Amino acid sequence: MDVETTEIKDDACYVGLTHDHLSVNNVMGRVRSPQAGAIVMFAGTTRDNFDGKPVKELQYSAYNPLALRTMLSICKEIRSEYGLISIAMVHRLGTVPIGEESIIIAVSAPHRQAAWRAGERALEDCKERVEIWKREEFEGEDGVWRANRDGAKGTFMS
């Protein structure tokens, strides 16, 4: 991560917001441990369509201080609940072109089942709770703002 990254590391939990390209290897490095029998990664990428409409790009914005606190709270809850060794969640802000990552989540655990479950839960909690919004820019149309909790069918997301 570089100087444009806003980040918090606390108790084997790492969260970050950045305007830079995301790196799976960097995020995985945050959770790697000799005690981990499993590392599960999730990379959310910008796809080229939504509801049959051609997507040009996504634009993300956040209220950084609150979003980071919420992300850290989610990571701490999940780490405790699933017995994780470590968890990292990094979200990109600004324009995210087609095929590039907007979010990367990595979890390490002694065993794979906990890692799989925790990774999915982290993504769902992030989408539901974190103060990040996205604007979907469509080819030939006005963009649409979405909030996390509105998910795929809403009108304000991650």
N, C-alpha and C. Protein backbone atom coordinates (compact mmCIF):
# COMPACT_ATOMS: atom_id res chain seq x y z
N MET A 1 0.84 -1.18 0.00
CA MET A 1 0.00 0.00 0.00
C MET A 1 0.89 1.24 0.00
N ASP A 2 0.36 2.36 -0.46
CA ASP A 2 1.18 3.56 -0.50
C ASP A 2 0.55 4.69 0.31
N VAL A 3 1.03 5.92 0.09
CA VAL A 3 0.60 7.05 0.90
C VAL A 3 -0.87 7.40 0.75
N GLU A 4 -1.52 6.97 -0.34
CA GLU A 4 -2.94 7.26 -0.51
C GLU A 4 -3.83 6.30 0.28
N THR A 5 -3.24 5.33 0.91
CA THR A 5 -4.00 4.35 1.67
C THR A 5 -4.29 4.86 3.06
N THR A 6 -5.52 4.73 3.47
CA THR A 6 -5.90 4.98 4.84
C THR A 6 -6.10 3.61 5.44
N GLU A 7 -5.44 3.34 6.57
CA GLU A 7 -5.47 1.98 7.10
C GLU A 7 -5.47 1.96 8.61
N ILE A 8 -5.94 0.82 9.15
CA ILE A 8 -5.89 0.54 10.59
C ILE A 8 -5.48 -0.92 10.75
N LYS A 9 -4.53 -1.16 11.64
CA LYS A 9 -4.16 -2.53 12.01
C LYS A 9 -4.33 -2.63 13.51
N ASP A 10 -5.08 -3.67 13.94
CA ASP A 10 -5.35 -3.83 15.36
C ASP A 10 -5.65 -5.30 15.64
N ASP A 11 -4.87 -5.91 16.52
CA ASP A 11 -5.18 -7.26 17.00
C ASP A 11 -5.38 -8.27 15.87
N ALA A 12 -4.40 -8.39 14.96
CA ALA A 12 -4.43 -9.33 13.84
C ALA A 12 -5.56 -9.04 12.85
N CYS A 13 -6.05 -7.83 12.87
CA CYS A 13 -7.05 -7.38 11.90
C CYS A 13 -6.47 -6.19 11.15
N TYR A 14 -6.60 -6.20 9.84
CA TYR A 14 -6.10 -5.10 9.02
C TYR A 14 -7.22 -4.65 8.09
N VAL A 15 -7.47 -3.34 8.03
CA VAL A 15 -8.44 -2.78 7.10
C VAL A 15 -7.81 -1.58 6.41
N GLY A 16 -8.21 -1.37 5.17
CA GLY A 16 -7.66 -0.26 4.42
C GLY A 16 -8.59 0.24 3.34
N LEU A 17 -8.43 1.52 3.03
CA LEU A 17 -9.11 2.16 1.91
C LEU A 17 -8.02 2.83 1.08
N THR A 18 -8.09 2.68 -0.23
CA THR A 18 -7.06 3.25 -1.09
C THR A 18 -7.63 3.62 -2.44
N HIS A 19 -7.00 4.59 -3.09
CA HIS A 19 -7.34 4.94 -4.47
C HIS A 19 -6.46 4.19 -5.47
N ASP A 20 -5.53 3.39 -4.96
CA ASP A 20 -4.59 2.66 -5.81
C ASP A 20 -5.13 1.29 -6.20
N HIS A 21 -4.49 0.68 -7.20
CA HIS A 21 -4.80 -0.70 -7.58
C HIS A 21 -4.61 -1.60 -6.37
N LEU A 22 -5.46 -2.61 -6.24
CA LEU A 22 -5.34 -3.56 -5.13
C LEU A 22 -4.44 -4.72 -5.54
N SER A 23 -3.70 -5.24 -4.58
CA SER A 23 -2.81 -6.36 -4.83
C SER A 23 -3.19 -7.54 -3.95
N VAL A 24 -3.57 -8.64 -4.60
CA VAL A 24 -3.92 -9.86 -3.87
C VAL A 24 -2.73 -10.30 -3.02
N ASN A 25 -1.52 -10.25 -3.57
CA ASN A 25 -0.34 -10.67 -2.82
C ASN A 25 -0.10 -9.82 -1.58
N ASN A 26 -0.29 -8.51 -1.70
CA ASN A 26 -0.10 -7.64 -0.52
C ASN A 26 -1.11 -7.96 0.57
N VAL A 27 -2.37 -8.14 0.18
CA VAL A 27 -3.40 -8.43 1.18
C VAL A 27 -3.17 -9.81 1.79
N MET A 28 -2.81 -10.80 0.97
CA MET A 28 -2.52 -12.13 1.50
C MET A 28 -1.36 -12.07 2.49
N GLY A 29 -0.37 -11.27 2.20
CA GLY A 29 0.76 -11.13 3.10
C GLY A 29 0.37 -10.62 4.47
N ARG A 30 -0.72 -9.90 4.55
CA ARG A 30 -1.22 -9.37 5.84
C ARG A 30 -1.73 -10.46 6.76
N VAL A 31 -2.14 -11.61 6.19
CA VAL A 31 -2.75 -12.67 7.01
C VAL A 31 -1.91 -13.95 7.07
N ARG A 32 -0.84 -14.00 6.31
CA ARG A 32 -0.01 -15.21 6.28
C ARG A 32 0.57 -15.49 7.66
N SER A 33 0.56 -16.77 8.06
CA SER A 33 1.05 -17.16 9.39
C SER A 33 1.45 -18.63 9.37
N PRO A 34 2.48 -18.99 10.13
CA PRO A 34 2.84 -20.41 10.21
C PRO A 34 1.78 -21.24 10.94
N GLN A 35 0.88 -20.61 11.68
CA GLN A 35 -0.19 -21.34 12.37
C GLN A 35 -1.40 -21.60 11.45
N ALA A 36 -1.41 -20.97 10.27
CA ALA A 36 -2.57 -21.08 9.38
C ALA A 36 -2.46 -22.30 8.48
N GLY A 37 -3.49 -23.12 8.51
CA GLY A 37 -3.59 -24.23 7.58
C GLY A 37 -4.37 -23.84 6.34
N ALA A 38 -4.98 -22.64 6.37
CA ALA A 38 -5.77 -22.18 5.24
C ALA A 38 -5.73 -20.65 5.16
N ILE A 39 -5.61 -20.17 3.95
CA ILE A 39 -5.83 -18.75 3.65
C ILE A 39 -6.86 -18.73 2.54
N VAL A 40 -7.94 -18.00 2.77
CA VAL A 40 -8.98 -17.84 1.77
C VAL A 40 -9.00 -16.39 1.34
N MET A 41 -9.04 -16.19 0.01
CA MET A 41 -9.06 -14.85 -0.57
C MET A 41 -10.35 -14.64 -1.33
N PHE A 42 -10.85 -13.41 -1.28
CA PHE A 42 -11.96 -13.01 -2.14
C PHE A 42 -11.54 -11.71 -2.81
N ALA A 43 -11.70 -11.66 -4.13
CA ALA A 43 -11.43 -10.44 -4.88
C ALA A 43 -12.69 -10.09 -5.66
N GLY A 44 -13.30 -8.99 -5.31
CA GLY A 44 -14.48 -8.51 -6.03
C GLY A 44 -14.04 -7.62 -7.17
N THR A 45 -14.43 -7.97 -8.40
CA THR A 45 -13.99 -7.22 -9.57
C THR A 45 -15.16 -6.54 -10.27
N THR A 46 -14.85 -5.50 -11.00
CA THR A 46 -15.87 -4.78 -11.77
C THR A 46 -16.19 -5.60 -13.02
N ARG A 47 -17.45 -5.97 -13.15
CA ARG A 47 -17.85 -6.72 -14.34
C ARG A 47 -18.39 -5.75 -15.39
N ASP A 48 -18.55 -6.23 -16.61
CA ASP A 48 -18.89 -5.36 -17.73
C ASP A 48 -20.40 -5.17 -17.94
N ASN A 49 -21.23 -5.72 -17.02
CA ASN A 49 -22.68 -5.55 -17.20
C ASN A 49 -23.38 -5.65 -15.85
N PHE A 50 -24.57 -5.07 -15.79
CA PHE A 50 -25.43 -5.18 -14.61
C PHE A 50 -26.86 -5.14 -15.11
N ASP A 51 -27.64 -6.16 -14.78
CA ASP A 51 -29.04 -6.26 -15.23
C ASP A 51 -29.16 -6.07 -16.74
N GLY A 52 -28.21 -6.63 -17.50
CA GLY A 52 -28.26 -6.55 -18.95
C GLY A 52 -27.77 -5.25 -19.55
N LYS A 53 -27.35 -4.30 -18.70
CA LYS A 53 -26.85 -3.02 -19.20
C LYS A 53 -25.32 -3.05 -19.23
N PRO A 54 -24.69 -2.51 -20.28
CA PRO A 54 -23.23 -2.48 -20.33
C PRO A 54 -22.66 -1.45 -19.34
N VAL A 55 -21.82 -1.91 -18.43
CA VAL A 55 -21.19 -1.05 -17.42
C VAL A 55 -19.89 -0.50 -17.99
N LYS A 56 -19.68 0.80 -17.83
CA LYS A 56 -18.46 1.44 -18.29
C LYS A 56 -17.38 1.38 -17.21
N GLU A 57 -17.78 1.68 -15.95
CA GLU A 57 -16.86 1.67 -14.81
C GLU A 57 -17.68 1.85 -13.54
N LEU A 58 -17.04 1.64 -12.40
CA LEU A 58 -17.64 1.92 -11.10
C LEU A 58 -16.83 3.01 -10.43
N GLN A 59 -17.50 3.84 -9.65
CA GLN A 59 -16.83 4.88 -8.87
C GLN A 59 -17.26 4.71 -7.42
N TYR A 60 -16.28 4.58 -6.52
CA TYR A 60 -16.56 4.37 -5.11
C TYR A 60 -16.18 5.58 -4.30
N SER A 61 -16.99 5.89 -3.30
CA SER A 61 -16.65 6.93 -2.33
C SER A 61 -17.03 6.43 -0.94
N ALA A 62 -16.42 7.05 0.06
CA ALA A 62 -16.65 6.61 1.44
C ALA A 62 -16.46 7.77 2.39
N TYR A 63 -17.06 7.63 3.54
CA TYR A 63 -16.71 8.48 4.67
C TYR A 63 -15.62 7.71 5.40
N ASN A 64 -14.35 8.00 5.07
CA ASN A 64 -13.23 7.16 5.49
C ASN A 64 -13.15 6.85 6.98
N PRO A 65 -13.21 7.84 7.87
CA PRO A 65 -13.06 7.49 9.30
C PRO A 65 -14.11 6.50 9.78
N LEU A 66 -15.35 6.71 9.40
CA LEU A 66 -16.42 5.82 9.84
C LEU A 66 -16.33 4.47 9.14
N ALA A 67 -16.04 4.48 7.83
CA ALA A 67 -15.93 3.22 7.08
C ALA A 67 -14.82 2.35 7.65
N LEU A 68 -13.68 2.93 7.97
CA LEU A 68 -12.58 2.15 8.55
C LEU A 68 -12.95 1.57 9.91
N ARG A 69 -13.61 2.36 10.74
CA ARG A 69 -14.03 1.85 12.06
C ARG A 69 -15.02 0.70 11.90
N THR A 70 -15.95 0.83 10.97
CA THR A 70 -16.93 -0.24 10.73
C THR A 70 -16.23 -1.49 10.19
N MET A 71 -15.32 -1.31 9.25
CA MET A 71 -14.58 -2.45 8.70
C MET A 71 -13.79 -3.16 9.80
N LEU A 72 -13.14 -2.39 10.68
CA LEU A 72 -12.37 -2.99 11.76
C LEU A 72 -13.29 -3.74 12.73
N SER A 73 -14.43 -3.17 13.03
CA SER A 73 -15.39 -3.83 13.91
C SER A 73 -15.84 -5.17 13.32
N ILE A 74 -16.14 -5.17 12.03
CA ILE A 74 -16.54 -6.40 11.34
C ILE A 74 -15.43 -7.44 11.44
N CYS A 75 -14.21 -7.03 11.15
CA CYS A 75 -13.08 -7.97 11.17
C CYS A 75 -12.86 -8.54 12.56
N LYS A 76 -12.95 -7.72 13.59
CA LYS A 76 -12.76 -8.22 14.96
C LYS A 76 -13.86 -9.22 15.34
N GLU A 77 -15.10 -8.89 14.98
CA GLU A 77 -16.21 -9.81 15.28
C GLU A 77 -16.00 -11.16 14.60
N ILE A 78 -15.65 -11.13 13.33
CA ILE A 78 -15.50 -12.36 12.56
C ILE A 78 -14.29 -13.14 13.03
N ARG A 79 -13.20 -12.45 13.34
CA ARG A 79 -12.00 -13.14 13.83
C ARG A 79 -12.32 -13.92 15.11
N SER A 80 -13.05 -13.28 16.00
CA SER A 80 -13.42 -13.93 17.26
C SER A 80 -14.39 -15.08 17.03
N GLU A 81 -15.43 -14.84 16.24
CA GLU A 81 -16.48 -15.84 16.03
C GLU A 81 -15.96 -17.10 15.35
N TYR A 82 -15.06 -16.95 14.37
CA TYR A 82 -14.60 -18.09 13.58
C TYR A 82 -13.22 -18.61 14.01
N GLY A 83 -12.63 -18.04 15.03
CA GLY A 83 -11.34 -18.49 15.51
C GLY A 83 -10.22 -18.28 14.49
N LEU A 84 -10.27 -17.16 13.79
CA LEU A 84 -9.28 -16.88 12.76
C LEU A 84 -7.94 -16.49 13.38
N ILE A 85 -6.90 -16.72 12.61
CA ILE A 85 -5.59 -16.22 12.99
C ILE A 85 -5.50 -14.75 12.64
N SER A 86 -5.97 -14.41 11.44
CA SER A 86 -5.89 -13.03 10.99
C SER A 86 -6.92 -12.78 9.90
N ILE A 87 -7.27 -11.51 9.70
CA ILE A 87 -8.21 -11.12 8.65
C ILE A 87 -7.81 -9.75 8.13
N ALA A 88 -7.95 -9.57 6.82
CA ALA A 88 -7.65 -8.29 6.18
C ALA A 88 -8.76 -7.98 5.18
N MET A 89 -9.13 -6.70 5.12
CA MET A 89 -10.17 -6.23 4.21
C MET A 89 -9.70 -4.88 3.66
N VAL A 90 -9.55 -4.81 2.33
CA VAL A 90 -9.10 -3.57 1.70
C VAL A 90 -10.07 -3.24 0.58
N HIS A 91 -10.55 -2.00 0.56
CA HIS A 91 -11.51 -1.55 -0.45
C HIS A 91 -10.90 -0.40 -1.24
N ARG A 92 -11.09 -0.45 -2.53
CA ARG A 92 -10.60 0.62 -3.40
C ARG A 92 -11.66 1.71 -3.51
N LEU A 93 -11.20 2.94 -3.59
CA LEU A 93 -12.06 4.09 -3.79
C LEU A 93 -11.73 4.75 -5.13
N GLY A 94 -12.59 5.65 -5.56
CA GLY A 94 -12.39 6.30 -6.85
C GLY A 94 -12.90 5.42 -7.98
N THR A 95 -12.36 5.63 -9.18
CA THR A 95 -12.79 4.90 -10.36
C THR A 95 -12.13 3.52 -10.41
N VAL A 96 -12.97 2.49 -10.61
CA VAL A 96 -12.48 1.12 -10.75
C VAL A 96 -12.96 0.60 -12.11
N PRO A 97 -12.03 0.52 -13.08
CA PRO A 97 -12.40 0.08 -14.43
C PRO A 97 -12.83 -1.39 -14.47
N ILE A 98 -13.43 -1.79 -15.58
CA ILE A 98 -13.84 -3.16 -15.82
C ILE A 98 -12.64 -4.09 -15.62
N GLY A 99 -12.87 -5.20 -14.91
CA GLY A 99 -11.85 -6.22 -14.73
C GLY A 99 -10.88 -5.96 -13.59
N GLU A 100 -10.99 -4.81 -12.92
CA GLU A 100 -10.10 -4.53 -11.79
C GLU A 100 -10.84 -4.74 -10.48
N GLU A 101 -10.06 -4.99 -9.41
CA GLU A 101 -10.63 -5.30 -8.10
C GLU A 101 -11.07 -4.03 -7.37
N SER A 102 -12.24 -4.15 -6.72
CA SER A 102 -12.73 -3.07 -5.86
C SER A 102 -12.58 -3.44 -4.40
N ILE A 103 -12.52 -4.73 -4.10
CA ILE A 103 -12.35 -5.18 -2.71
C ILE A 103 -11.57 -6.49 -2.69
N ILE A 104 -10.70 -6.61 -1.71
CA ILE A 104 -10.01 -7.88 -1.46
C ILE A 104 -10.14 -8.18 0.02
N ILE A 105 -10.56 -9.40 0.31
CA ILE A 105 -10.67 -9.87 1.69
C ILE A 105 -9.82 -11.13 1.79
N ALA A 106 -9.00 -11.21 2.83
CA ALA A 106 -8.19 -12.40 3.08
C ALA A 106 -8.38 -12.82 4.53
N VAL A 107 -8.53 -14.12 4.73
CA VAL A 107 -8.64 -14.65 6.09
C VAL A 107 -7.71 -15.84 6.23
N SER A 108 -7.08 -15.95 7.40
CA SER A 108 -6.27 -17.14 7.68
C SER A 108 -6.84 -17.80 8.93
N ALA A 109 -6.83 -19.12 8.89
CA ALA A 109 -7.39 -19.92 9.99
C ALA A 109 -6.62 -21.23 10.08
N PRO A 110 -6.71 -21.89 11.23
CA PRO A 110 -6.07 -23.19 11.34
C PRO A 110 -6.63 -24.21 10.34
N HIS A 111 -7.94 -24.10 10.01
CA HIS A 111 -8.59 -25.07 9.13
C HIS A 111 -9.43 -24.36 8.07
N ARG A 112 -9.64 -25.00 6.93
CA ARG A 112 -10.28 -24.37 5.79
C ARG A 112 -11.74 -24.01 5.99
N GLN A 113 -12.51 -24.84 6.71
CA GLN A 113 -13.94 -24.54 6.85
C GLN A 113 -14.18 -23.18 7.49
N ALA A 114 -13.46 -22.90 8.54
CA ALA A 114 -13.62 -21.61 9.21
C ALA A 114 -13.21 -20.48 8.27
N ALA A 115 -12.15 -20.68 7.51
CA ALA A 115 -11.68 -19.65 6.59
C ALA A 115 -12.72 -19.36 5.50
N TRP A 116 -13.30 -20.42 4.91
CA TRP A 116 -14.33 -20.22 3.88
C TRP A 116 -15.52 -19.45 4.43
N ARG A 117 -16.02 -19.90 5.55
CA ARG A 117 -17.22 -19.27 6.13
C ARG A 117 -16.95 -17.82 6.53
N ALA A 118 -15.81 -17.60 7.14
CA ALA A 118 -15.46 -16.25 7.59
C ALA A 118 -15.29 -15.30 6.41
N GLY A 119 -14.70 -15.77 5.33
CA GLY A 119 -14.52 -14.91 4.16
C GLY A 119 -15.84 -14.44 3.58
N GLU A 120 -16.76 -15.37 3.46
CA GLU A 120 -18.08 -14.98 2.92
C GLU A 120 -18.81 -14.04 3.87
N ARG A 121 -18.76 -14.36 5.14
CA ARG A 121 -19.41 -13.49 6.13
C ARG A 121 -18.80 -12.08 6.11
N ALA A 122 -17.49 -11.99 5.97
CA ALA A 122 -16.84 -10.67 5.92
C ALA A 122 -17.35 -9.86 4.74
N LEU A 123 -17.48 -10.49 3.59
CA LEU A 123 -17.98 -9.78 2.42
C LEU A 123 -19.42 -9.33 2.63
N GLU A 124 -20.27 -10.22 3.10
CA GLU A 124 -21.67 -9.86 3.30
C GLU A 124 -21.82 -8.74 4.33
N ASP A 125 -21.07 -8.82 5.43
CA ASP A 125 -21.14 -7.77 6.45
C ASP A 125 -20.62 -6.44 5.90
N CYS A 126 -19.57 -6.49 5.10
CA CYS A 126 -19.04 -5.27 4.49
C CYS A 126 -20.10 -4.63 3.61
N LYS A 127 -20.73 -5.42 2.76
CA LYS A 127 -21.76 -4.89 1.86
C LYS A 127 -22.94 -4.30 2.63
N GLU A 128 -23.27 -4.94 3.74
CA GLU A 128 -24.44 -4.52 4.52
C GLU A 128 -24.16 -3.30 5.41
N ARG A 129 -22.94 -3.20 5.93
CA ARG A 129 -22.71 -2.24 7.02
C ARG A 129 -21.73 -1.11 6.74
N VAL A 130 -20.79 -1.29 5.82
CA VAL A 130 -19.72 -0.30 5.67
C VAL A 130 -20.19 0.91 4.86
N GLU A 131 -19.76 2.08 5.30
CA GLU A 131 -20.18 3.36 4.71
C GLU A 131 -19.39 3.65 3.43
N ILE A 132 -19.64 2.82 2.42
CA ILE A 132 -19.04 2.97 1.09
C ILE A 132 -20.19 2.96 0.09
N TRP A 133 -20.10 3.88 -0.87
CA TRP A 133 -21.12 3.97 -1.91
C TRP A 133 -20.47 3.81 -3.26
N LYS A 134 -21.23 3.27 -4.22
CA LYS A 134 -20.69 3.15 -5.57
C LYS A 134 -21.64 3.80 -6.56
N ARG A 135 -21.04 4.33 -7.59
CA ARG A 135 -21.80 4.87 -8.72
C ARG A 135 -21.48 3.97 -9.91
N GLU A 136 -22.52 3.35 -10.44
CA GLU A 136 -22.37 2.51 -11.63
C GLU A 136 -22.53 3.41 -12.84
N GLU A 137 -21.50 3.45 -13.67
CA GLU A 137 -21.55 4.23 -14.90
C GLU A 137 -21.85 3.28 -16.06
N PHE A 138 -22.95 3.53 -16.76
CA PHE A 138 -23.37 2.68 -17.87
C PHE A 138 -23.03 3.34 -19.20
N GLU A 139 -22.79 2.53 -20.22
CA GLU A 139 -22.56 3.05 -21.57
C GLU A 139 -23.83 3.74 -22.05
N GLY A 140 -23.72 5.00 -22.44
CA GLY A 140 -24.83 5.72 -23.04
C GLY A 140 -25.95 6.11 -22.09
N GLU A 141 -25.76 5.98 -20.77
CA GLU A 141 -26.81 6.34 -19.80
C GLU A 141 -26.19 7.08 -18.63
N ASP A 142 -27.05 7.72 -17.85
CA ASP A 142 -26.59 8.33 -16.61
C ASP A 142 -26.23 7.23 -15.61
N GLY A 143 -25.29 7.54 -14.73
CA GLY A 143 -24.89 6.59 -13.69
C GLY A 143 -25.93 6.50 -12.59
N VAL A 144 -25.78 5.47 -11.76
CA VAL A 144 -26.69 5.22 -10.64
C VAL A 144 -25.87 5.03 -9.38
N TRP A 145 -26.20 5.77 -8.31
CA TRP A 145 -25.56 5.59 -7.00
C TRP A 145 -26.25 4.46 -6.26
N ARG A 146 -25.46 3.63 -5.59
CA ARG A 146 -25.99 2.54 -4.78
C ARG A 146 -25.29 2.53 -3.44
N ALA A 147 -26.04 2.17 -2.39
CA ALA A 147 -25.46 1.99 -1.05
C ALA A 147 -25.21 0.50 -0.84
N ASN A 148 -24.28 0.18 0.03
CA ASN A 148 -23.96 -1.23 0.31
C ASN A 148 -25.20 -2.07 0.56
N ARG A 149 -26.03 -1.63 1.46
CA ARG A 149 -27.16 -2.45 1.90
C ARG A 149 -28.21 -2.65 0.81
N ASP A 150 -28.18 -1.86 -0.26
CA ASP A 150 -29.15 -2.01 -1.34
C ASP A 150 -28.79 -3.15 -2.28
N GLY A 151 -27.55 -3.59 -2.23
CA GLY A 151 -27.12 -4.74 -3.02
C GLY A 151 -27.41 -4.59 -4.50
N ALA A 152 -27.70 -5.70 -5.14
CA ALA A 152 -27.82 -5.73 -6.59
C ALA A 152 -29.04 -5.00 -7.12
N LYS A 153 -30.10 -4.89 -6.34
CA LYS A 153 -31.34 -4.31 -6.87
C LYS A 153 -31.65 -2.93 -6.32
N GLY A 154 -30.75 -2.33 -5.55
CA GLY A 154 -31.06 -1.08 -4.89
C GLY A 154 -30.86 0.15 -5.76
N THR A 155 -30.98 1.31 -5.12
CA THR A 155 -30.77 2.55 -5.85
C THR A 155 -29.69 3.43 -5.24
N PHE A 156 -28.93 3.04 -4.31
CA PHE A 156 -27.75 3.79 -3.82
C PHE A 156 -26.52 2.91 -3.80
N MET A 157 -23.37 1.28 -2.65
CA MET A 157 -22.85 -0.08 -2.52
C MET A 157 -21.36 -0.25 -2.34
N SER A 158 -20.94 -1.52 -2.14
CA SER A 158 -19.59 -2.03 -2.21
C SER A 158 -19.55 -3.20 -3.12
